[in-house]
């Protein structure tokens, strides 16, 4: 069975620790870095610990057992599903400066026969911990990143050998380069230029059109486009969090979502006055509907575009982290139902109250699921002046 060599894992850890965290600047001596790593990715956990120690920071390592979730949901009662160790998690949120999360699914269908309501109940119970970290992130005191460990199960789904699957990871993350961090910083040049042009346009509305989309999205006041910054490795997308109240129309997605131990495929959503009024899926529809029952999950939290010129991902990976950044002939469009990103606010998020976030239409939910399409689409912006301008066409930004 293929396994990445020590050189590759060292480079991977180097990128995550010394680039992705602190918004591209890397960790600082004395900071605390919490690493959540599935047990199958233990070699990467060791490389992360070494990189954190060499940076003079403090690693908090947690190896999570894979294959336990199905048993948990089978036997846990309501109180166990919603158990929230508040004191422990509050102190952990206060202590850590960064988190590194590694995705490594050995069975993407592990929970396909589990009652989706149980999964949502357990997830919803943990929302306060996420809120504490968001508050800390808004204050500039916390950053995070997510990366992927290749598994045979995911490689089999997309028709690649495990080595071929890992080659996609290696290429996408610049782990084949002499200096991966240099390459990531070089990429930021084109990405930052596009963001600056988008943010200078004063966009009021977006109109997404194609054979499987006719959707209007209102950006809202004080919005900016974001991208890069190390929050995901890899990340080639440019995204924003719109005013959810101004979404109407319909959109269909041609890429499956592997979420909550199940698969959702053939998703089609209809919006009216900002709310999902109809949701269909060719597979996993019951899970999709249960997700949408989560408070505020039936609203848009993110709209994103990936320019085909920037992405180094050339194959679907059955993992949103990569599929929402895939290149190909038309780049990709993705939309997230659920929670918005506060860093898409044009201002200091630390000075914004919960009421003000609501008033600006930044959605808040325990849910945040990205749904991806790689079909040809044209995105036309209506500016505050009333002028219409095509900003994305044929898989590339046109600004």
Protein backbone atom coordinates (compact mmCIF):
# COMPACT_ATOMS: atom_id res chain seq x y z
CA UNK A 1 0.00 0.00 0.00
CA UNK A 2 1.30 3.44 -0.93
CA UNK A 3 2.31 5.84 1.82
CA UNK A 4 3.82 9.33 1.41
CA UNK A 5 7.50 9.46 2.33
CA UNK A 6 9.03 11.41 5.19
CA UNK A 7 10.16 14.23 2.91
CA UNK A 8 6.61 14.78 1.67
CA UNK A 9 5.10 14.70 5.16
CA UNK A 10 7.75 17.10 6.44
CA UNK A 11 6.90 19.51 3.63
CA UNK A 12 3.18 19.10 4.34
CA UNK A 13 3.63 19.89 8.03
CA UNK A 14 5.91 22.81 7.15
CA UNK A 15 3.20 24.39 4.99
CA UNK A 16 0.48 23.90 7.61
CA UNK A 17 2.50 25.15 10.57
CA UNK A 18 4.74 27.81 9.05
CA UNK A 19 2.41 29.20 6.39
CA UNK A 20 -1.25 28.34 6.89
CA UNK A 21 -1.57 29.47 10.49
CA UNK A 22 -1.47 33.13 11.50
CA UNK A 23 -3.06 33.95 8.12
CA UNK A 24 -0.02 33.07 6.05
CA UNK A 25 2.65 34.10 8.54
CA UNK A 26 3.05 30.80 10.43
CA UNK A 27 3.05 30.12 14.16
CA UNK A 28 5.01 32.17 16.65
CA UNK A 29 7.14 30.92 19.52
CA UNK A 30 5.08 30.31 22.64
CA UNK A 31 1.74 29.88 20.86
CA UNK A 32 -0.44 26.81 21.48
CA UNK A 33 -1.44 24.71 18.47
CA UNK A 34 -4.20 22.12 18.82
CA UNK A 35 -3.97 19.32 16.22
CA UNK A 36 -6.94 17.03 15.61
CA UNK A 37 -5.71 14.09 13.54
CA UNK A 38 -7.46 10.75 12.77
CA UNK A 39 -5.40 7.74 13.82
CA UNK A 40 -4.77 6.59 10.22
CA UNK A 41 -2.85 9.84 9.64
CA UNK A 42 -0.49 9.26 12.56
CA UNK A 43 2.67 9.81 10.42
CA UNK A 44 1.43 13.31 9.57
CA UNK A 45 0.65 13.96 13.24
CA UNK A 46 4.26 13.21 14.10
CA UNK A 47 5.49 15.57 11.37
CA UNK A 48 3.15 18.29 12.66
CA UNK A 49 4.40 17.89 16.21
CA UNK A 50 8.00 18.20 15.02
CA UNK A 51 7.25 21.31 12.95
CA UNK A 52 5.40 22.97 15.85
CA UNK A 53 8.24 22.22 18.26
CA UNK A 54 10.86 23.53 15.83
CA UNK A 55 8.84 26.76 15.58
CA UNK A 56 9.08 27.15 19.36
CA UNK A 57 5.32 26.65 19.83
CA UNK A 58 3.42 24.17 21.99
CA UNK A 59 1.67 21.20 20.32
CA UNK A 60 -1.56 19.76 21.73
CA UNK A 61 -1.99 16.50 19.86
CA UNK A 62 -5.24 14.51 19.68
CA UNK A 63 -5.37 11.29 17.68
CA UNK A 64 -9.01 10.40 17.01
CA UNK A 65 -10.04 6.77 16.45
CA UNK A 66 -11.58 6.09 13.04
CA UNK A 67 -14.55 3.75 12.75
CA UNK A 68 -16.13 4.69 16.10
CA UNK A 69 -18.89 7.02 14.90
CA UNK A 70 -21.38 4.38 13.78
CA UNK A 71 -21.21 2.65 17.15
CA UNK A 72 -21.61 5.96 18.98
CA UNK A 73 -24.77 6.95 17.14
CA UNK A 74 -26.18 3.43 17.45
CA UNK A 75 -25.90 3.34 21.24
CA UNK A 76 -25.98 6.97 22.41
CA UNK A 77 -29.18 8.20 24.04
CA UNK A 78 -30.50 11.78 23.74
CA UNK A 79 -28.50 13.06 26.71
CA UNK A 80 -25.32 11.46 25.40
CA UNK A 81 -25.86 12.82 21.90
CA UNK A 82 -26.18 16.37 23.19
CA UNK A 83 -23.60 16.17 26.00
CA UNK A 84 -21.51 19.33 25.99
CA UNK A 85 -18.45 19.47 28.31
CA UNK A 86 -18.72 23.22 28.70
CA UNK A 87 -16.01 23.82 31.29
CA UNK A 88 -13.43 21.73 29.43
CA UNK A 89 -14.16 23.22 26.01
CA UNK A 90 -14.34 26.77 27.36
CA UNK A 91 -10.88 26.41 28.85
CA UNK A 92 -9.57 24.81 25.66
CA UNK A 93 -10.94 27.66 23.57
CA UNK A 94 -9.25 30.13 25.92
CA UNK A 95 -5.93 28.28 25.77
CA UNK A 96 -5.33 27.53 22.10
CA UNK A 97 -4.07 30.03 19.54
CA UNK A 98 -4.52 27.83 16.47
CA UNK A 99 -5.99 24.54 15.32
CA UNK A 100 -4.93 22.19 12.56
CA UNK A 101 -7.61 19.74 11.44
CA UNK A 102 -6.80 16.73 9.27
CA UNK A 103 -9.51 14.99 7.24
CA UNK A 104 -9.00 11.24 6.77
CA UNK A 105 -12.14 9.23 6.07
CA UNK A 106 -11.61 5.48 5.94
CA UNK A 107 -15.32 4.86 5.28
CA UNK A 108 -17.17 7.80 3.69
CA UNK A 109 -20.46 5.85 4.01
CA UNK A 110 -20.04 4.93 7.68
CA UNK A 111 -23.20 6.76 8.78
CA UNK A 112 -25.33 6.21 5.68
CA UNK A 113 -27.85 4.13 7.69
CA UNK A 114 -27.77 6.37 10.77
CA UNK A 115 -30.74 8.59 11.59
CA UNK A 116 -29.68 12.05 10.32
CA UNK A 117 -31.55 13.69 13.23
CA UNK A 118 -29.09 12.12 15.67
CA UNK A 119 -26.11 13.48 13.75
CA UNK A 120 -27.61 16.97 13.63
CA UNK A 121 -28.45 16.89 17.37
CA UNK A 122 -24.85 16.05 18.30
CA UNK A 123 -23.47 18.67 15.94
CA UNK A 124 -25.83 21.39 17.17
CA UNK A 125 -24.84 20.75 20.77
CA UNK A 126 -21.23 21.66 19.97
CA UNK A 127 -22.06 25.01 18.39
CA UNK A 128 -21.12 27.10 21.48
CA UNK A 129 -17.52 25.90 21.20
CA UNK A 130 -17.40 26.95 17.58
CA UNK A 131 -18.92 30.32 18.51
CA UNK A 132 -16.20 30.92 21.11
CA UNK A 133 -13.52 30.29 18.50
CA UNK A 134 -15.25 32.54 15.96
CA UNK A 135 -15.33 35.32 18.55
CA UNK A 136 -11.65 34.79 19.24
CA UNK A 137 -10.89 34.73 15.49
CA UNK A 138 -12.78 38.00 15.02
CA UNK A 139 -10.51 39.54 17.65
CA UNK A 140 -7.42 38.39 15.74
CA UNK A 141 -6.41 35.94 18.46
CA UNK A 142 -7.09 32.62 16.71
CA UNK A 143 -6.53 30.98 13.31
CA UNK A 144 -7.18 27.55 11.88
CA UNK A 145 -6.42 25.40 8.87
CA UNK A 146 -7.69 22.12 7.40
CA UNK A 147 -5.85 19.61 5.23
CA UNK A 148 -6.43 16.16 3.74
CA UNK A 149 -4.88 12.75 4.34
CA UNK A 150 -5.40 10.42 1.40
CA UNK A 151 -7.28 7.17 2.06
CA UNK A 152 -7.94 4.21 -0.19
CA UNK A 153 -11.71 4.58 0.29
CA UNK A 154 -11.71 8.09 -1.20
CA UNK A 155 -9.30 7.07 -3.97
CA UNK A 156 -11.57 4.17 -4.93
CA UNK A 157 -14.60 6.45 -5.16
CA UNK A 158 -12.94 8.69 -7.75
CA UNK A 159 -11.24 5.89 -9.66
CA UNK A 160 -7.64 6.59 -8.67
CA UNK A 161 -5.01 4.42 -7.10
CA UNK A 162 -3.95 5.54 -3.64
CA UNK A 163 -0.65 6.80 -5.06
CA UNK A 164 -2.46 8.78 -7.79
CA UNK A 165 -4.77 10.25 -5.16
CA UNK A 166 -1.79 11.33 -3.08
CA UNK A 167 -0.16 12.84 -6.15
CA UNK A 168 -3.18 15.15 -6.44
CA UNK A 169 -2.62 16.22 -2.80
CA UNK A 170 1.11 16.67 -3.33
CA UNK A 171 0.65 18.74 -6.48
CA UNK A 172 -2.23 20.83 -5.11
CA UNK A 173 -0.30 21.73 -1.96
CA UNK A 174 3.01 22.40 -3.78
CA UNK A 175 4.67 19.62 -1.78
CA UNK A 176 6.65 18.74 -4.91
CA UNK A 177 8.31 22.18 -4.92
CA UNK A 178 11.73 22.99 -3.46
CA UNK A 179 10.06 25.67 -1.32
CA UNK A 180 6.28 25.10 -1.03
CA UNK A 181 5.70 28.23 1.05
CA UNK A 182 7.38 30.38 -1.61
CA UNK A 183 5.00 28.92 -4.20
CA UNK A 184 1.96 29.67 -2.04
CA UNK A 185 3.09 33.27 -1.60
CA UNK A 186 3.68 33.60 -5.36
CA UNK A 187 0.15 32.38 -6.04
CA UNK A 188 -1.25 35.06 -3.75
CA UNK A 189 -0.16 37.72 -6.27
CA UNK A 190 -2.77 36.85 -8.90
CA UNK A 191 -5.38 36.05 -6.27
CA UNK A 192 -4.88 39.35 -4.43
CA UNK A 193 -5.07 41.28 -7.71
CA UNK A 194 -8.44 39.70 -8.51
CA UNK A 195 -9.74 40.34 -4.98
CA UNK A 196 -8.69 43.98 -5.12
CA UNK A 197 -10.49 44.48 -8.43
CA UNK A 198 -13.64 42.76 -7.16
CA UNK A 199 -13.65 44.75 -3.94
CA UNK A 200 -13.28 48.01 -5.87
CA UNK A 201 -16.40 47.35 -7.97
CA UNK A 202 -19.06 48.13 -5.33
CA UNK A 203 -21.17 45.13 -6.36
CA UNK A 204 -24.81 45.09 -5.31
CA UNK A 205 -26.08 41.91 -7.01
CA UNK A 206 -24.69 38.79 -8.65
CA UNK A 207 -26.57 36.89 -11.36
CA UNK A 208 -25.34 33.31 -11.85
CA UNK A 209 -26.46 31.86 -15.18
CA UNK A 210 -25.91 28.57 -16.95
CA UNK A 211 -27.70 25.43 -18.06
CA UNK A 212 -28.20 24.52 -14.42
CA UNK A 213 -28.47 27.89 -12.70
CA UNK A 214 -30.48 31.07 -12.73
CA UNK A 215 -29.72 32.55 -9.35
CA UNK A 216 -29.57 36.09 -7.98
CA UNK A 217 -27.44 36.78 -4.92
CA UNK A 218 -27.35 40.12 -3.13
CA UNK A 219 -23.92 40.95 -1.77
CA UNK A 220 -25.07 43.41 0.86
CA UNK A 221 -23.32 46.38 2.41
CA UNK A 222 -19.73 46.32 3.66
CA UNK A 223 -18.88 43.02 1.98
CA UNK A 224 -15.46 42.02 0.67
CA UNK A 225 -14.20 39.04 -1.30
CA UNK A 226 -11.65 36.83 0.42
CA UNK A 227 -9.33 34.00 -0.58
CA UNK A 228 -6.15 32.35 0.54
CA UNK A 229 -4.82 33.29 3.94
CA UNK A 230 -4.14 29.68 4.89
CA UNK A 231 -7.57 28.74 6.21
CA UNK A 232 -7.68 25.72 3.91
CA UNK A 233 -4.73 23.91 2.33
CA UNK A 234 -5.11 23.89 -0.58
CA UNK A 235 -7.24 26.94 -1.36
CA UNK A 236 -7.61 28.52 -4.79
CA UNK A 237 -11.12 29.91 -4.38
CA UNK A 238 -12.26 33.52 -4.01
CA UNK A 239 -15.40 33.83 -1.93
CA UNK A 240 -17.72 36.15 -0.06
CA UNK A 241 -20.55 35.88 2.45
CA UNK A 242 -23.58 37.64 0.96
CA UNK A 243 -26.68 39.12 2.55
CA UNK A 244 -28.74 35.93 2.74
CA UNK A 245 -32.02 37.87 2.46
CA UNK A 246 -31.38 38.76 -1.18
CA UNK A 247 -31.08 35.26 -2.67
CA UNK A 248 -33.69 34.09 -5.17
CA UNK A 249 -33.81 31.71 -8.11
CA UNK A 250 -32.51 28.18 -8.51
CA UNK A 251 -29.25 26.29 -8.85
CA UNK A 252 -28.25 22.68 -9.49
CA UNK A 253 -24.92 21.05 -8.56
CA UNK A 254 -23.13 18.32 -10.52
CA UNK A 255 -20.69 17.25 -7.81
CA UNK A 256 -21.62 14.97 -4.88
CA UNK A 257 -21.16 16.00 -1.27
CA UNK A 258 -19.64 13.51 1.16
CA UNK A 259 -20.90 14.77 4.49
CA UNK A 260 -21.74 13.31 7.89
CA UNK A 261 -20.64 9.83 6.84
CA UNK A 262 -22.99 9.80 3.84
CA UNK A 263 -23.26 10.91 0.23
CA UNK A 264 -25.60 13.58 -1.14
CA UNK A 265 -25.73 13.83 -4.93
CA UNK A 266 -27.72 15.62 -7.62
CA UNK A 267 -28.65 18.56 -5.40
CA UNK A 268 -31.04 21.22 -6.68
CA UNK A 269 -32.04 24.20 -4.52
CA UNK A 270 -34.67 26.87 -5.05
CA UNK A 271 -34.61 30.17 -3.14
CA UNK A 272 -37.24 32.80 -2.52
CA UNK A 273 -36.68 35.87 -0.32
CA UNK A 274 -33.43 34.32 0.87
CA UNK A 275 -34.85 31.00 2.03
CA UNK A 276 -34.53 27.54 0.50
CA UNK A 277 -38.09 26.83 -0.57
CA UNK A 278 -37.39 23.56 -2.37
CA UNK A 279 -34.51 21.11 -1.98
CA UNK A 280 -34.06 17.97 -4.03
CA UNK A 281 -31.31 15.36 -4.27
CA UNK A 282 -31.04 12.25 -6.38
CA UNK A 283 -29.26 10.57 -3.48
CA UNK A 284 -29.21 11.45 0.22
CA UNK A 285 -32.27 13.69 0.09
CA UNK A 286 -33.38 12.74 3.63
CA UNK A 287 -30.03 13.90 5.02
CA UNK A 288 -30.20 17.12 2.99
CA UNK A 289 -33.65 17.90 4.39
CA UNK A 290 -32.49 17.17 7.94
CA UNK A 291 -29.53 19.51 7.48
CA UNK A 292 -31.86 22.25 6.27
CA UNK A 293 -33.97 21.88 9.43
CA UNK A 294 -31.03 23.18 11.45
CA UNK A 295 -31.73 26.78 12.50
CA UNK A 296 -30.72 29.12 9.64
CA UNK A 297 -29.31 26.30 7.51
CA UNK A 298 -31.88 27.13 4.82
CA UNK A 299 -30.00 30.34 4.01
CA UNK A 300 -26.83 31.11 2.06
CA UNK A 301 -23.63 31.62 4.06
CA UNK A 302 -21.06 31.72 1.26
CA UNK A 303 -20.74 32.16 -2.50
CA UNK A 304 -17.46 31.18 -4.14
CA UNK A 305 -15.71 30.97 -7.50
CA UNK A 306 -12.46 29.24 -8.45
CA UNK A 307 -10.43 30.48 -11.41
CA UNK A 308 -9.16 27.60 -13.55
CA UNK A 309 -5.83 29.42 -14.03
CA UNK A 310 -4.95 29.14 -10.36
CA UNK A 311 -6.03 25.65 -9.34
CA UNK A 312 -3.57 22.76 -9.43
CA UNK A 313 -6.32 20.20 -8.80
CA UNK A 314 -7.12 18.25 -11.95
CA UNK A 315 -9.33 15.42 -10.65
CA UNK A 316 -12.35 15.16 -8.39
CA UNK A 317 -11.38 13.88 -4.92
CA UNK A 318 -14.69 13.03 -3.20
CA UNK A 319 -13.71 15.60 -0.59
CA UNK A 320 -15.14 19.11 -0.44
CA UNK A 321 -11.83 20.64 0.62
CA UNK A 322 -10.41 19.74 -2.80
CA UNK A 323 -13.55 19.65 -4.95
CA UNK A 324 -14.48 23.25 -4.02
CA UNK A 325 -11.05 24.27 -5.35
CA UNK A 326 -10.89 22.15 -8.51
CA UNK A 327 -9.82 23.74 -11.79
CA UNK A 328 -10.76 22.04 -15.05
CA UNK A 329 -12.18 23.83 -18.10
CA UNK A 330 -14.76 25.87 -16.17
CA UNK A 331 -13.19 26.21 -12.73
CA UNK A 332 -15.98 25.75 -10.20
CA UNK A 333 -18.81 27.53 -8.48
CA UNK A 334 -19.85 26.63 -5.00
CA UNK A 335 -22.40 27.81 -2.54
CA UNK A 336 -22.60 27.04 1.17
CA UNK A 337 -25.81 26.69 3.10
CA UNK A 338 -25.57 27.80 6.71
CA UNK A 339 -23.08 29.94 8.51
CA UNK A 340 -21.35 32.98 7.00
CA UNK A 341 -17.72 34.08 7.34
CA UNK A 342 -17.15 37.23 9.35
CA UNK A 343 -13.88 38.02 7.58
CA UNK A 344 -16.00 38.96 4.55
CA UNK A 345 -17.02 42.10 6.43
CA UNK A 346 -15.37 45.32 5.27
CA UNK A 347 -14.24 46.45 8.68
CA UNK A 348 -13.07 45.12 12.01
CA UNK A 349 -15.28 42.12 12.94
CA UNK A 350 -14.25 42.43 16.59
CA UNK A 351 -16.33 45.61 16.81
CA UNK A 352 -19.54 44.05 15.47
CA UNK A 353 -22.24 42.78 17.83
CA UNK A 354 -24.42 39.71 17.23
CA UNK A 355 -27.37 42.01 16.57
CA UNK A 356 -25.36 43.97 13.98
CA UNK A 357 -24.33 40.75 12.20
CA UNK A 358 -28.02 39.87 11.94
CA UNK A 359 -28.93 43.33 10.71
CA UNK A 360 -26.34 43.08 7.92
CA UNK A 361 -27.60 39.65 6.81
CA UNK A 362 -24.56 37.61 7.86
CA UNK A 363 -26.08 34.20 8.49
CA UNK A 364 -25.41 32.27 11.70
CA UNK A 365 -25.93 28.52 11.90
CA UNK A 366 -24.38 25.33 13.24
CA UNK A 367 -24.44 24.16 9.62
CA UNK A 368 -21.96 25.09 6.91
CA UNK A 369 -21.90 22.75 3.93
CA UNK A 370 -20.39 23.64 0.56
CA UNK A 371 -22.04 22.26 -2.58
CA UNK A 372 -20.02 22.35 -5.79
CA UNK A 373 -20.61 22.51 -9.53
CA UNK A 374 -17.99 22.41 -12.29
CA UNK A 375 -20.30 23.28 -15.18
CA UNK A 376 -19.97 26.38 -17.37
CA UNK A 377 -21.49 29.47 -15.78
CA UNK A 378 -21.45 33.21 -16.32
CA UNK A 379 -21.59 35.55 -13.33
CA UNK A 380 -22.77 39.08 -14.00
CA UNK A 381 -22.48 41.78 -11.36
CA UNK A 382 -24.87 44.68 -11.01
CA UNK A 383 -22.93 47.58 -9.51
CA UNK A 384 -24.30 50.23 -7.17
CA UNK A 385 -24.30 52.59 -10.16
CA UNK A 386 -26.67 50.27 -12.02
CA UNK A 387 -23.99 49.18 -14.50
CA UNK A 388 -23.81 45.48 -15.31
CA UNK A 389 -20.42 43.80 -15.65
CA UNK A 390 -19.47 40.16 -16.34
CA UNK A 391 -17.00 39.19 -13.62
CA UNK A 392 -16.66 35.44 -14.33
CA UNK A 393 -16.92 33.52 -17.59
CA UNK A 394 -15.49 30.34 -19.11
CA UNK A 395 -14.02 29.33 -15.75
CA UNK A 396 -12.05 32.54 -15.22
CA UNK A 397 -12.51 35.89 -13.56
CA UNK A 398 -13.04 38.67 -16.09
CA UNK A 399 -12.03 41.67 -13.99
